[in-house]
Amino acid sequence: MAEVLGTLHRAVADLGLSIPIGTQQAFGPGAMYEFFKALNAVVSSAQKSLYIVDPYIDDGIFDAYLSSIQIRASVRLLVRDYSAKVKPAAESFVAQYGTALEVRKSKVLHDRVVFVDDSECWVLGHSIKDAAALKATYLAPLSPDVSALKLSDYEKIWLAANAI
């Protein structure tokens, strides 16, 4: 029995080490700046690619989060409701920064997730646009095995989505 418990404790410790440190948080109502700092840390960690899925992304995403990423990271935004606001902002952003940026629209979105470098997946409780403004929310990483499955699902949605 002690051997089994020892194995379980080692497995739990190994899983704990694989989770990114310092950003997993819950944010109470009104903690908008704390949420902003935490999500900005996640977004700015992108070295190769950033893929943000959020039905309610609007043009504020560019000033609040995307201006902090490495210019060499490619960016994909999968949106639903505010594509008319996102399109001109995306065009201006690309014209100024030269960032590889694609935006697509899909009506099947519900979740809000951020994929960093195709290896990390962060889930959000509320839309980036309104996170922690009036209601509590969270920002939490998924395990690598779940991240890969979630990315696979959202790649399929991306391929079926309409370019804007």
N, C-alpha and C. Protein backbone atom coordinates (compact mmCIF):
# COMPACT_ATOMS: atom_id res chain seq x y z
N MET A 1 0.82 -1.20 0.00
CA MET A 1 0.00 0.00 0.00
C MET A 1 0.87 1.26 0.00
N ALA A 2 1.94 1.25 0.80
CA ALA A 2 2.83 2.41 0.86
C ALA A 2 3.47 2.68 -0.50
N GLU A 3 3.77 1.62 -1.23
CA GLU A 3 4.38 1.78 -2.56
C GLU A 3 3.40 2.44 -3.53
N VAL A 4 2.14 2.06 -3.46
CA VAL A 4 1.11 2.65 -4.32
C VAL A 4 0.93 4.13 -3.97
N LEU A 5 0.86 4.46 -2.69
CA LEU A 5 0.72 5.85 -2.28
C LEU A 5 1.94 6.67 -2.71
N GLY A 6 3.12 6.10 -2.59
CA GLY A 6 4.32 6.80 -3.02
C GLY A 6 4.29 7.10 -4.51
N THR A 7 3.84 6.14 -5.30
CA THR A 7 3.72 6.33 -6.75
C THR A 7 2.70 7.42 -7.06
N LEU A 8 1.58 7.40 -6.37
CA LEU A 8 0.56 8.43 -6.58
C LEU A 8 1.08 9.81 -6.21
N HIS A 9 1.78 9.93 -5.11
CA HIS A 9 2.32 11.23 -4.70
C HIS A 9 3.34 11.76 -5.71
N ARG A 10 4.18 10.86 -6.23
CA ARG A 10 5.15 11.28 -7.25
C ARG A 10 4.44 11.73 -8.52
N ALA A 11 3.38 11.02 -8.92
CA ALA A 11 2.63 11.39 -10.12
C ALA A 11 1.97 12.76 -9.94
N VAL A 12 1.39 13.01 -8.78
CA VAL A 12 0.77 14.31 -8.51
C VAL A 12 1.83 15.41 -8.54
N ALA A 13 2.99 15.16 -7.95
CA ALA A 13 4.07 16.15 -7.95
C ALA A 13 4.55 16.43 -9.38
N ASP A 14 4.68 15.39 -10.20
CA ASP A 14 5.09 15.58 -11.59
C ASP A 14 4.08 16.41 -12.37
N LEU A 15 2.79 16.15 -12.15
CA LEU A 15 1.76 16.95 -12.81
C LEU A 15 1.83 18.40 -12.37
N GLY A 16 2.04 18.62 -11.10
CA GLY A 16 2.15 19.98 -10.59
C GLY A 16 3.29 20.75 -11.22
N LEU A 17 4.39 20.06 -11.49
CA LEU A 17 5.54 20.71 -12.12
C LEU A 17 5.29 21.04 -13.58
N SER A 18 4.36 20.35 -14.22
CA SER A 18 4.11 20.61 -15.65
C SER A 18 3.14 21.77 -15.88
N ILE A 19 2.52 22.29 -14.82
CA ILE A 19 1.58 23.39 -14.95
C ILE A 19 2.35 24.71 -14.84
N PRO A 20 2.14 25.65 -15.76
CA PRO A 20 2.82 26.94 -15.67
C PRO A 20 2.52 27.61 -14.33
N ILE A 21 3.55 28.21 -13.77
CA ILE A 21 3.45 28.80 -12.44
C ILE A 21 2.99 30.24 -12.52
N GLY A 22 2.18 30.64 -11.55
CA GLY A 22 1.92 32.05 -11.31
C GLY A 22 0.75 32.68 -12.01
N THR A 23 0.13 32.03 -12.96
CA THR A 23 -0.93 32.71 -13.69
C THR A 23 -2.30 32.14 -13.39
N GLN A 24 -2.37 30.89 -12.95
CA GLN A 24 -3.67 30.30 -12.66
C GLN A 24 -4.30 31.06 -11.51
N GLN A 25 -5.44 31.70 -11.79
CA GLN A 25 -6.05 32.54 -10.78
C GLN A 25 -7.54 32.61 -10.96
N ALA A 26 -8.16 32.97 -9.85
CA ALA A 26 -9.58 33.34 -9.88
C ALA A 26 -9.64 34.83 -9.61
N PHE A 27 -10.58 35.49 -10.24
CA PHE A 27 -10.69 36.94 -10.15
C PHE A 27 -12.10 37.30 -9.74
N GLY A 28 -12.22 38.05 -8.68
CA GLY A 28 -13.53 38.47 -8.20
C GLY A 28 -14.07 39.62 -9.03
N PRO A 29 -15.34 39.95 -8.81
CA PRO A 29 -15.94 41.09 -9.52
C PRO A 29 -15.13 42.36 -9.26
N GLY A 30 -14.84 43.08 -10.31
CA GLY A 30 -14.08 44.32 -10.20
C GLY A 30 -12.57 44.15 -10.28
N ALA A 31 -12.07 42.93 -10.37
CA ALA A 31 -10.62 42.69 -10.43
C ALA A 31 -10.13 42.71 -11.88
N MET A 32 -10.60 43.68 -12.64
CA MET A 32 -10.29 43.73 -14.07
C MET A 32 -8.80 43.92 -14.33
N TYR A 33 -8.12 44.73 -13.52
CA TYR A 33 -6.70 44.96 -13.76
C TYR A 33 -5.89 43.72 -13.44
N GLU A 34 -6.24 43.01 -12.39
CA GLU A 34 -5.53 41.76 -12.05
C GLU A 34 -5.70 40.73 -13.16
N PHE A 35 -6.91 40.65 -13.70
CA PHE A 35 -7.15 39.74 -14.82
C PHE A 35 -6.31 40.18 -16.03
N PHE A 36 -6.32 41.47 -16.32
CA PHE A 36 -5.55 42.03 -17.42
C PHE A 36 -4.08 41.65 -17.30
N LYS A 37 -3.50 41.81 -16.12
CA LYS A 37 -2.08 41.47 -15.92
C LYS A 37 -1.83 39.99 -16.14
N ALA A 38 -2.70 39.15 -15.60
CA ALA A 38 -2.51 37.70 -15.74
C ALA A 38 -2.63 37.26 -17.19
N LEU A 39 -3.66 37.73 -17.88
CA LEU A 39 -3.83 37.33 -19.28
C LEU A 39 -2.73 37.92 -20.15
N ASN A 40 -2.29 39.12 -19.84
CA ASN A 40 -1.20 39.71 -20.60
C ASN A 40 0.08 38.89 -20.46
N ALA A 41 0.31 38.33 -19.28
CA ALA A 41 1.48 37.46 -19.08
C ALA A 41 1.38 36.22 -19.96
N VAL A 42 0.20 35.65 -20.06
CA VAL A 42 0.00 34.48 -20.91
C VAL A 42 0.21 34.85 -22.38
N VAL A 43 -0.45 35.90 -22.83
CA VAL A 43 -0.37 36.31 -24.23
C VAL A 43 1.05 36.69 -24.62
N SER A 44 1.73 37.43 -23.78
CA SER A 44 3.07 37.89 -24.12
C SER A 44 4.11 36.78 -24.05
N SER A 45 3.74 35.62 -23.52
CA SER A 45 4.68 34.50 -23.50
C SER A 45 4.76 33.79 -24.85
N ALA A 46 3.88 34.12 -25.78
CA ALA A 46 3.87 33.47 -27.10
C ALA A 46 5.16 33.80 -27.85
N GLN A 47 5.83 32.78 -28.30
CA GLN A 47 7.04 32.94 -29.10
C GLN A 47 6.80 32.65 -30.58
N LYS A 48 5.96 31.65 -30.85
CA LYS A 48 5.69 31.24 -32.23
C LYS A 48 4.28 31.59 -32.67
N SER A 49 3.32 31.27 -31.82
CA SER A 49 1.93 31.44 -32.24
C SER A 49 1.01 31.71 -31.05
N LEU A 50 -0.05 32.40 -31.37
CA LEU A 50 -1.09 32.70 -30.40
C LEU A 50 -2.43 32.49 -31.10
N TYR A 51 -3.30 31.70 -30.50
CA TYR A 51 -4.60 31.40 -31.07
C TYR A 51 -5.62 31.68 -29.98
N ILE A 52 -6.44 32.71 -30.18
CA ILE A 52 -7.42 33.10 -29.19
C ILE A 52 -8.81 32.82 -29.73
N VAL A 53 -9.58 32.07 -28.95
CA VAL A 53 -10.95 31.72 -29.29
C VAL A 53 -11.85 32.39 -28.26
N ASP A 54 -12.68 33.30 -28.71
CA ASP A 54 -13.59 33.99 -27.80
C ASP A 54 -14.74 34.56 -28.63
N PRO A 55 -15.96 34.12 -28.39
CA PRO A 55 -17.07 34.59 -29.21
C PRO A 55 -17.26 36.11 -29.16
N TYR A 56 -16.82 36.74 -28.08
CA TYR A 56 -17.12 38.15 -27.88
C TYR A 56 -15.92 39.08 -28.01
N ILE A 57 -14.85 38.62 -28.62
CA ILE A 57 -13.70 39.50 -28.84
C ILE A 57 -14.15 40.70 -29.66
N ASP A 58 -13.68 41.87 -29.24
CA ASP A 58 -13.94 43.07 -30.05
C ASP A 58 -12.60 43.74 -30.36
N ASP A 59 -12.64 44.95 -30.91
CA ASP A 59 -11.42 45.62 -31.32
C ASP A 59 -10.50 46.00 -30.15
N GLY A 60 -10.99 45.95 -28.94
CA GLY A 60 -10.16 46.26 -27.77
C GLY A 60 -9.04 45.26 -27.53
N ILE A 61 -9.14 44.07 -28.12
CA ILE A 61 -8.11 43.04 -27.96
C ILE A 61 -6.74 43.52 -28.44
N PHE A 62 -6.73 44.39 -29.43
CA PHE A 62 -5.47 44.82 -30.02
C PHE A 62 -4.68 45.70 -29.06
N ASP A 63 -5.31 46.71 -28.51
CA ASP A 63 -4.62 47.60 -27.58
C ASP A 63 -4.33 46.92 -26.25
N ALA A 64 -5.28 46.16 -25.75
CA ALA A 64 -5.14 45.59 -24.42
C ALA A 64 -4.13 44.44 -24.37
N TYR A 65 -4.09 43.60 -25.40
CA TYR A 65 -3.29 42.39 -25.30
C TYR A 65 -2.31 42.15 -26.45
N LEU A 66 -2.72 42.38 -27.67
CA LEU A 66 -1.88 41.98 -28.79
C LEU A 66 -0.68 42.89 -29.01
N SER A 67 -0.73 44.10 -28.55
CA SER A 67 0.43 44.99 -28.73
C SER A 67 1.61 44.55 -27.87
N SER A 68 1.39 43.62 -26.92
CA SER A 68 2.47 43.17 -26.04
C SER A 68 3.19 41.92 -26.54
N ILE A 69 2.68 41.28 -27.59
CA ILE A 69 3.29 40.02 -28.01
C ILE A 69 4.53 40.27 -28.87
N GLN A 70 5.33 39.25 -28.96
CA GLN A 70 6.49 39.32 -29.84
C GLN A 70 5.99 39.45 -31.27
N ILE A 71 6.57 40.35 -32.02
CA ILE A 71 6.13 40.58 -33.40
C ILE A 71 6.26 39.31 -34.24
N ARG A 72 7.20 38.45 -33.91
CA ARG A 72 7.39 37.24 -34.72
C ARG A 72 6.32 36.18 -34.49
N ALA A 73 5.51 36.31 -33.44
CA ALA A 73 4.45 35.33 -33.19
C ALA A 73 3.29 35.56 -34.16
N SER A 74 2.81 34.49 -34.77
CA SER A 74 1.63 34.62 -35.61
C SER A 74 0.40 34.58 -34.70
N VAL A 75 -0.65 35.26 -35.13
CA VAL A 75 -1.84 35.39 -34.31
C VAL A 75 -3.06 34.97 -35.10
N ARG A 76 -3.91 34.18 -34.45
CA ARG A 76 -5.21 33.83 -35.01
C ARG A 76 -6.28 34.17 -33.98
N LEU A 77 -7.33 34.81 -34.45
CA LEU A 77 -8.47 35.14 -33.61
C LEU A 77 -9.69 34.45 -34.19
N LEU A 78 -10.41 33.73 -33.36
CA LEU A 78 -11.65 33.10 -33.78
C LEU A 78 -12.76 33.76 -32.98
N VAL A 79 -13.64 34.47 -33.67
CA VAL A 79 -14.64 35.32 -33.04
C VAL A 79 -16.04 34.90 -33.49
N ARG A 80 -17.03 35.57 -32.91
CA ARG A 80 -18.40 35.31 -33.34
C ARG A 80 -19.19 36.61 -33.54
N ASP A 81 -19.27 37.45 -32.52
CA ASP A 81 -20.26 38.53 -32.54
C ASP A 81 -19.78 39.90 -33.00
N TYR A 82 -18.54 40.24 -32.83
CA TYR A 82 -18.09 41.61 -33.11
C TYR A 82 -17.13 41.69 -34.29
N SER A 83 -17.31 40.84 -35.26
CA SER A 83 -16.37 40.79 -36.38
C SER A 83 -16.32 42.11 -37.15
N ALA A 84 -17.41 42.85 -37.20
CA ALA A 84 -17.41 44.13 -37.91
C ALA A 84 -16.47 45.14 -37.25
N LYS A 85 -16.30 45.06 -35.94
CA LYS A 85 -15.35 45.92 -35.23
C LYS A 85 -13.93 45.39 -35.33
N VAL A 86 -13.80 44.08 -35.33
CA VAL A 86 -12.47 43.46 -35.33
C VAL A 86 -11.76 43.64 -36.67
N LYS A 87 -12.48 43.54 -37.77
CA LYS A 87 -11.86 43.57 -39.10
C LYS A 87 -11.03 44.83 -39.35
N PRO A 88 -11.56 46.05 -39.20
CA PRO A 88 -10.73 47.23 -39.47
C PRO A 88 -9.57 47.37 -38.49
N ALA A 89 -9.79 46.98 -37.25
CA ALA A 89 -8.70 47.04 -36.27
C ALA A 89 -7.59 46.06 -36.64
N ALA A 90 -7.98 44.87 -37.09
CA ALA A 90 -7.00 43.86 -37.50
C ALA A 90 -6.19 44.35 -38.70
N GLU A 91 -6.86 44.94 -39.66
CA GLU A 91 -6.17 45.46 -40.85
C GLU A 91 -5.17 46.56 -40.47
N SER A 92 -5.56 47.45 -39.59
CA SER A 92 -4.65 48.52 -39.14
C SER A 92 -3.48 47.96 -38.35
N PHE A 93 -3.77 46.98 -37.52
CA PHE A 93 -2.72 46.35 -36.70
C PHE A 93 -1.67 45.70 -37.59
N VAL A 94 -2.12 44.95 -38.59
CA VAL A 94 -1.20 44.29 -39.52
C VAL A 94 -0.40 45.33 -40.31
N ALA A 95 -1.07 46.38 -40.76
CA ALA A 95 -0.38 47.42 -41.54
C ALA A 95 0.73 48.08 -40.72
N GLN A 96 0.48 48.30 -39.44
CA GLN A 96 1.48 48.96 -38.60
C GLN A 96 2.59 48.03 -38.13
N TYR A 97 2.21 46.84 -37.66
CA TYR A 97 3.18 45.95 -37.03
C TYR A 97 3.71 44.85 -37.96
N GLY A 98 3.02 44.58 -39.05
CA GLY A 98 3.46 43.52 -39.94
C GLY A 98 3.27 42.12 -39.37
N THR A 99 2.51 42.01 -38.33
CA THR A 99 2.27 40.72 -37.68
C THR A 99 1.44 39.82 -38.58
N ALA A 100 1.78 38.54 -38.60
CA ALA A 100 0.96 37.56 -39.31
C ALA A 100 -0.29 37.36 -38.47
N LEU A 101 -1.41 37.86 -38.97
CA LEU A 101 -2.66 37.85 -38.22
C LEU A 101 -3.79 37.40 -39.11
N GLU A 102 -4.57 36.43 -38.62
CA GLU A 102 -5.76 35.98 -39.32
C GLU A 102 -6.94 36.05 -38.36
N VAL A 103 -8.10 36.41 -38.88
CA VAL A 103 -9.32 36.46 -38.08
C VAL A 103 -10.39 35.69 -38.84
N ARG A 104 -11.07 34.83 -38.11
CA ARG A 104 -12.18 34.09 -38.69
C ARG A 104 -13.37 34.16 -37.75
N LYS A 105 -14.53 33.91 -38.34
CA LYS A 105 -15.79 34.01 -37.60
C LYS A 105 -16.51 32.67 -37.68
N SER A 106 -17.03 32.24 -36.52
CA SER A 106 -17.80 31.00 -36.47
C SER A 106 -18.97 31.17 -35.51
N LYS A 107 -20.09 30.62 -35.91
CA LYS A 107 -21.29 30.70 -35.06
C LYS A 107 -21.34 29.58 -34.02
N VAL A 108 -20.41 28.64 -34.06
CA VAL A 108 -20.47 27.49 -33.14
C VAL A 108 -19.63 27.69 -31.87
N LEU A 109 -19.12 28.88 -31.66
CA LEU A 109 -18.26 29.11 -30.50
C LEU A 109 -19.06 29.28 -29.21
N HIS A 110 -18.50 28.75 -28.16
CA HIS A 110 -19.04 28.98 -26.82
C HIS A 110 -17.90 29.24 -25.84
N ASP A 111 -16.90 28.37 -25.85
CA ASP A 111 -15.77 28.48 -24.91
C ASP A 111 -14.92 29.70 -25.20
N ARG A 112 -14.10 30.02 -24.23
CA ARG A 112 -13.08 31.05 -24.38
C ARG A 112 -11.76 30.41 -23.99
N VAL A 113 -10.86 30.29 -24.97
CA VAL A 113 -9.57 29.64 -24.72
C VAL A 113 -8.46 30.41 -25.42
N VAL A 114 -7.26 30.27 -24.88
CA VAL A 114 -6.07 30.87 -25.47
C VAL A 114 -5.03 29.77 -25.61
N PHE A 115 -4.56 29.57 -26.83
CA PHE A 115 -3.51 28.59 -27.10
C PHE A 115 -2.21 29.36 -27.34
N VAL A 116 -1.17 28.97 -26.63
CA VAL A 116 0.14 29.61 -26.77
C VAL A 116 1.11 28.59 -27.35
N ASP A 117 1.69 28.93 -28.48
CA ASP A 117 2.71 28.11 -29.15
C ASP A 117 2.25 26.67 -29.39
N ASP A 118 0.97 26.48 -29.62
CA ASP A 118 0.38 25.17 -29.90
C ASP A 118 0.67 24.13 -28.81
N SER A 119 1.06 24.58 -27.63
CA SER A 119 1.35 23.62 -26.57
C SER A 119 0.62 23.92 -25.27
N GLU A 120 0.34 25.16 -25.00
CA GLU A 120 -0.39 25.52 -23.79
C GLU A 120 -1.81 25.92 -24.15
N CYS A 121 -2.74 25.57 -23.27
CA CYS A 121 -4.13 25.99 -23.45
C CYS A 121 -4.62 26.55 -22.12
N TRP A 122 -5.11 27.76 -22.19
CA TRP A 122 -5.67 28.44 -21.02
C TRP A 122 -7.15 28.63 -21.23
N VAL A 123 -7.94 28.34 -20.23
CA VAL A 123 -9.38 28.54 -20.32
C VAL A 123 -9.78 29.73 -19.46
N LEU A 124 -10.80 30.44 -19.93
CA LEU A 124 -11.29 31.63 -19.24
C LEU A 124 -12.76 31.41 -18.90
N GLY A 125 -13.16 31.95 -17.77
CA GLY A 125 -14.55 31.81 -17.35
C GLY A 125 -15.49 32.76 -18.05
N HIS A 126 -15.00 33.92 -18.44
CA HIS A 126 -15.81 34.92 -19.13
C HIS A 126 -15.03 35.42 -20.33
N SER A 127 -15.72 36.13 -21.18
CA SER A 127 -15.08 36.71 -22.35
C SER A 127 -13.96 37.67 -21.93
N ILE A 128 -12.93 37.72 -22.72
CA ILE A 128 -11.82 38.65 -22.48
C ILE A 128 -12.34 40.07 -22.40
N LYS A 129 -13.31 40.38 -23.22
CA LYS A 129 -13.86 41.73 -23.30
C LYS A 129 -14.43 42.21 -21.96
N ASP A 130 -15.05 41.34 -21.20
CA ASP A 130 -15.73 41.73 -19.97
C ASP A 130 -15.20 41.05 -18.72
N ALA A 131 -14.12 40.32 -18.82
CA ALA A 131 -13.65 39.48 -17.71
C ALA A 131 -13.43 40.29 -16.43
N ALA A 132 -13.99 39.77 -15.37
CA ALA A 132 -13.86 40.31 -14.01
C ALA A 132 -14.50 41.68 -13.82
N ALA A 133 -15.22 42.16 -14.81
CA ALA A 133 -15.84 43.47 -14.66
C ALA A 133 -16.96 43.42 -13.61
N LEU A 134 -17.94 42.59 -13.82
CA LEU A 134 -19.08 42.52 -12.90
C LEU A 134 -19.22 41.18 -12.21
N LYS A 135 -18.64 40.14 -12.80
CA LYS A 135 -18.78 38.80 -12.25
C LYS A 135 -17.40 38.18 -12.06
N ALA A 136 -17.32 37.23 -11.14
CA ALA A 136 -16.08 36.49 -10.92
C ALA A 136 -15.74 35.67 -12.16
N THR A 137 -14.45 35.46 -12.38
CA THR A 137 -14.00 34.64 -13.50
C THR A 137 -12.70 33.95 -13.11
N TYR A 138 -12.11 33.23 -14.05
CA TYR A 138 -10.86 32.52 -13.80
C TYR A 138 -10.04 32.47 -15.08
N LEU A 139 -8.77 32.17 -14.90
CA LEU A 139 -7.83 31.92 -15.99
C LEU A 139 -7.01 30.73 -15.53
N ALA A 140 -7.15 29.61 -16.20
CA ALA A 140 -6.50 28.39 -15.73
C ALA A 140 -5.92 27.59 -16.89
N PRO A 141 -4.74 27.01 -16.69
CA PRO A 141 -4.16 26.16 -17.73
C PRO A 141 -4.77 24.77 -17.72
N LEU A 142 -4.82 24.16 -18.89
CA LEU A 142 -5.23 22.77 -18.99
C LEU A 142 -3.98 21.90 -19.07
N SER A 143 -4.11 20.65 -18.71
CA SER A 143 -2.97 19.73 -18.80
C SER A 143 -2.59 19.54 -20.26
N PRO A 144 -1.35 19.18 -20.54
CA PRO A 144 -0.90 19.03 -21.93
C PRO A 144 -1.74 18.05 -22.76
N ASP A 145 -2.18 16.94 -22.16
CA ASP A 145 -2.96 15.98 -22.93
C ASP A 145 -4.33 16.55 -23.29
N VAL A 146 -4.96 17.27 -22.38
CA VAL A 146 -6.25 17.89 -22.66
C VAL A 146 -6.07 19.06 -23.63
N SER A 147 -4.98 19.80 -23.49
CA SER A 147 -4.69 20.93 -24.39
C SER A 147 -4.62 20.46 -25.84
N ALA A 148 -3.94 19.35 -26.07
CA ALA A 148 -3.81 18.82 -27.43
C ALA A 148 -5.17 18.46 -28.02
N LEU A 149 -6.02 17.85 -27.22
CA LEU A 149 -7.36 17.48 -27.69
C LEU A 149 -8.19 18.73 -27.99
N LYS A 150 -8.11 19.71 -27.12
CA LYS A 150 -8.88 20.94 -27.30
C LYS A 150 -8.39 21.68 -28.55
N LEU A 151 -7.07 21.74 -28.75
CA LEU A 151 -6.52 22.38 -29.93
C LEU A 151 -7.01 21.68 -31.20
N SER A 152 -7.02 20.37 -31.17
CA SER A 152 -7.50 19.62 -32.33
C SER A 152 -8.95 19.97 -32.66
N ASP A 153 -9.78 20.08 -31.65
CA ASP A 153 -11.18 20.44 -31.87
C ASP A 153 -11.29 21.85 -32.45
N TYR A 154 -10.53 22.79 -31.93
CA TYR A 154 -10.62 24.17 -32.41
C TYR A 154 -9.95 24.37 -33.76
N GLU A 155 -9.04 23.50 -34.13
CA GLU A 155 -8.48 23.56 -35.49
C GLU A 155 -9.57 23.20 -36.50
N LYS A 156 -10.41 22.24 -36.17
CA LYS A 156 -11.51 21.86 -37.06
C LYS A 156 -12.50 23.01 -37.22
N ILE A 157 -12.80 23.67 -36.10
CA ILE A 157 -13.72 24.82 -36.17
C ILE A 157 -13.09 25.93 -37.01
N TRP A 158 -11.78 26.16 -36.83
CA TRP A 158 -11.06 27.19 -37.59
C TRP A 158 -11.17 26.92 -39.08
N LEU A 159 -10.94 25.70 -39.47
CA LEU A 159 -10.97 25.34 -40.90
C LEU A 159 -12.36 25.55 -41.52
N ALA A 160 -13.40 25.39 -40.72
CA ALA A 160 -14.77 25.56 -41.22
C ALA A 160 -15.26 27.01 -41.08
N ALA A 161 -14.53 27.85 -40.37
CA ALA A 161 -14.96 29.22 -40.11
C ALA A 161 -14.75 30.10 -41.34
N ASN A 162 -15.44 31.24 -41.35
CA ASN A 162 -15.34 32.19 -42.45
C ASN A 162 -14.28 33.24 -42.16
N ALA A 163 -13.41 33.50 -43.11
CA ALA A 163 -12.42 34.56 -42.97
C ALA A 163 -13.13 35.90 -42.98
N ILE A 164 -12.62 36.83 -42.17
CA ILE A 164 -13.22 38.17 -42.20
C ILE A 164 -12.16 39.18 -42.58
